[in-house]
Amino acid sequence: MRTADEDPADAELLAALRAGDLAAGGALFRRHAG
């Protein structure tokens, strides 16, 4: 299984989340939930 840092789309969302974008965190969660 790849980590979020290894997937280009996930890496962008993760970087935005780390910068304080909570919507990006929600999008990242939805990509991987279920």
PDB file of N, CA and C in Angstrom:
ATOM      1  N   MET A   1       0.845  -1.183   0.000  1.00  0.00           N
ATOM      2  CA  MET A   1       0.000   0.000   0.000  1.00  0.00           C
ATOM      3  C   MET A   1       0.888   1.242   0.000  1.00  0.00           C
ATOM      4  N   ARG A   2       0.536   2.180  -0.842  1.00  0.00           N
ATOM      5  CA  ARG A   2       1.305   3.430  -0.924  1.00  0.00           C
ATOM      6  C   ARG A   2       0.857   4.388   0.169  1.00  0.00           C
ATOM      7  N   THR A   3       1.774   5.215   0.609  1.00  0.00           N
ATOM      8  CA  THR A   3       1.416   6.232   1.592  1.00  0.00           C
ATOM      9  C   THR A   3       0.947   7.490   0.870  1.00  0.00           C
ATOM     10  N   ALA A   4       0.329   8.378   1.619  1.00  0.00           N
ATOM     11  CA  ALA A   4      -0.163   9.631   1.026  1.00  0.00           C
ATOM     12  C   ALA A   4       0.977  10.437   0.423  1.00  0.00           C
ATOM     13  N   ASP A   5       2.156  10.369   1.023  1.00  0.00           N
ATOM     14  CA  ASP A   5       3.295  11.126   0.496  1.00  0.00           C
ATOM     15  C   ASP A   5       3.789  10.582  -0.838  1.00  0.00           C
ATOM     16  N   GLU A   6       3.468   9.321  -1.162  1.00  0.00           N
ATOM     17  CA  GLU A   6       3.951   8.705  -2.398  1.00  0.00           C
ATOM     18  C   GLU A   6       3.002   8.915  -3.579  1.00  0.00           C
ATOM     19  N   ASP A   7       1.747   9.182  -3.323  1.00  0.00           N
ATOM     20  CA  ASP A   7       0.766   9.395  -4.380  1.00  0.00           C
ATOM     21  C   ASP A   7       0.726  10.884  -4.709  1.00  0.00           C
ATOM     22  N   PRO A   8       0.961  11.269  -5.969  1.00  0.00           N
ATOM     23  CA  PRO A   8       1.043  12.698  -6.307  1.00  0.00           C
ATOM     24  C   PRO A   8      -0.195  13.504  -5.898  1.00  0.00           C
ATOM     25  N   ALA A   9      -1.383  12.988  -6.171  1.00  0.00           N
ATOM     26  CA  ALA A   9      -2.601  13.727  -5.803  1.00  0.00           C
ATOM     27  C   ALA A   9      -2.728  13.829  -4.289  1.00  0.00           C
ATOM     28  N   ASP A  10      -2.430  12.728  -3.596  1.00  0.00           N
ATOM     29  CA  ASP A  10      -2.495  12.734  -2.136  1.00  0.00           C
ATOM     30  C   ASP A  10      -1.435  13.647  -1.550  1.00  0.00           C
ATOM     31  N   ALA A  11      -0.276  13.684  -2.153  1.00  0.00           N
ATOM     32  CA  ALA A  11       0.808  14.532  -1.641  1.00  0.00           C
ATOM     33  C   ALA A  11       0.404  16.002  -1.690  1.00  0.00           C
ATOM     34  N   GLU A  12      -0.302  16.402  -2.748  1.00  0.00           N
ATOM     35  CA  GLU A  12      -0.771  17.796  -2.841  1.00  0.00           C
ATOM     36  C   GLU A  12      -1.784  18.096  -1.744  1.00  0.00           C
ATOM     37  N   LEU A  13      -2.720  17.174  -1.531  1.00  0.00           N
ATOM     38  CA  LEU A  13      -3.716  17.367  -0.476  1.00  0.00           C
ATOM     39  C   LEU A  13      -3.053  17.387   0.894  1.00  0.00           C
ATOM     40  N   LEU A  14      -2.086  16.511   1.103  1.00  0.00           N
ATOM     41  CA  LEU A  14      -1.392  16.447   2.383  1.00  0.00           C
ATOM     42  C   LEU A  14      -0.609  17.725   2.639  1.00  0.00           C
ATOM     43  N   ALA A  15       0.025  18.256   1.615  1.00  0.00           N
ATOM     44  CA  ALA A  15       0.765  19.514   1.763  1.00  0.00           C
ATOM     45  C   ALA A  15      -0.188  20.651   2.121  1.00  0.00           C
ATOM     46  N   ALA A  16      -1.356  20.676   1.483  1.00  0.00           N
ATOM     47  CA  ALA A  16      -2.344  21.711   1.793  1.00  0.00           C
ATOM     48  C   ALA A  16      -2.845  21.559   3.223  1.00  0.00           C
ATOM     49  N   LEU A  17      -3.068  20.323   3.653  1.00  0.00           N
ATOM     50  CA  LEU A  17      -3.508  20.078   5.025  1.00  0.00           C
ATOM     51  C   LEU A  17      -2.453  20.551   6.015  1.00  0.00           C
ATOM     52  N   ARG A  18      -1.217  20.236   5.738  1.00  0.00           N
ATOM     53  CA  ARG A  18      -0.123  20.653   6.627  1.00  0.00           C
ATOM     54  C   ARG A  18      -0.010  22.177   6.691  1.00  0.00           C
ATOM     55  N   ALA A  19      -0.454  22.853   5.628  1.00  0.00           N
ATOM     56  CA  ALA A  19      -0.431  24.317   5.596  1.00  0.00           C
ATOM     57  C   ALA A  19      -1.672  24.911   6.260  1.00  0.00           C
ATOM     58  N   GLY A  20      -2.574  24.047   6.731  1.00  0.00           N
ATOM     59  CA  GLY A  20      -3.738  24.522   7.460  1.00  0.00           C
ATOM     60  C   GLY A  20      -5.058  24.448   6.715  1.00  0.00           C
ATOM     61  N   ASP A  21      -5.075  23.847   5.537  1.00  0.00           N
ATOM     62  CA  ASP A  21      -6.304  23.742   4.746  1.00  0.00           C
ATOM     63  C   ASP A  21      -7.102  22.518   5.201  1.00  0.00           C
ATOM     64  N   LEU A  22      -8.096  22.744   6.055  1.00  0.00           N
ATOM     65  CA  LEU A  22      -8.874  21.634   6.596  1.00  0.00           C
ATOM     66  C   LEU A  22      -9.738  20.963   5.536  1.00  0.00           C
ATOM     67  N   ALA A  23     -10.148  21.695   4.516  1.00  0.00           N
ATOM     68  CA  ALA A  23     -10.929  21.096   3.431  1.00  0.00           C
ATOM     69  C   ALA A  23     -10.093  20.046   2.700  1.00  0.00           C
ATOM     70  N   ALA A  24      -8.807  20.307   2.557  1.00  0.00           N
ATOM     71  CA  ALA A  24      -7.919  19.328   1.923  1.00  0.00           C
ATOM     72  C   ALA A  24      -7.832  18.071   2.780  1.00  0.00           C
ATOM     73  N   GLY A  25      -7.837  18.249   4.090  1.00  0.00           N
ATOM     74  CA  GLY A  25      -7.837  17.092   4.988  1.00  0.00           C
ATOM     75  C   GLY A  25      -9.086  16.255   4.807  1.00  0.00           C
ATOM     76  N   GLY A  26     -10.226  16.921   4.654  1.00  0.00           N
ATOM     77  CA  GLY A  26     -11.472  16.202   4.418  1.00  0.00           C
ATOM     78  C   GLY A  26     -11.442  15.458   3.095  1.00  0.00           C
ATOM     79  N   ALA A  27     -10.904  16.098   2.071  1.00  0.00           N
ATOM     80  CA  ALA A  27     -10.809  15.458   0.755  1.00  0.00           C
ATOM     81  C   ALA A  27      -9.885  14.247   0.815  1.00  0.00           C
ATOM     82  N   LEU A  28      -8.789  14.375   1.528  1.00  0.00           N
ATOM     83  CA  LEU A  28      -7.845  13.264   1.670  1.00  0.00           C
ATOM     84  C   LEU A  28      -8.514  12.106   2.403  1.00  0.00           C
ATOM     85  N   PHE A  29      -9.251  12.415   3.460  1.00  0.00           N
ATOM     86  CA  PHE A  29      -9.966  11.380   4.202  1.00  0.00           C
ATOM     87  C   PHE A  29     -10.963  10.660   3.302  1.00  0.00           C
ATOM     88  N   ARG A  30     -11.757  11.436   2.541  1.00  0.00           N
ATOM     89  CA  ARG A  30     -12.773  10.830   1.677  1.00  0.00           C
ATOM     90  C   ARG A  30     -12.152   9.949   0.603  1.00  0.00           C
ATOM     91  N   ARG A  31     -10.964  10.304   0.115  1.00  0.00           N
ATOM     92  CA  ARG A  31     -10.292   9.478  -0.903  1.00  0.00           C
ATOM     93  C   ARG A  31      -9.952   8.098  -0.363  1.00  0.00           C
ATOM     94  N   HIS A  32      -9.703   8.006   0.943  1.00  0.00           N
ATOM     95  CA  HIS A  32      -9.201   6.756   1.510  1.00  0.00           C
ATOM     96  C   HIS A  32     -10.185   6.055   2.429  1.00  0.00           C
ATOM     97  N   ALA A  33     -11.281   6.685   2.755  1.00  0.00           N
ATOM     98  CA  ALA A  33     -12.281   6.053   3.620  1.00  0.00           C
ATOM     99  C   ALA A  33     -13.177   5.152   2.773  1.00  0.00           C
ATOM    100  N   GLY A  34     -13.302   3.948   3.208  1.00  0.00           N
ATOM    101  CA  GLY A  34     -14.236   3.039   2.563  1.00  0.00           C
ATOM    102  C   GLY A  34     -13.762   2.559   1.281  1.00  0.00           C
TER     103      GLY A  34
END
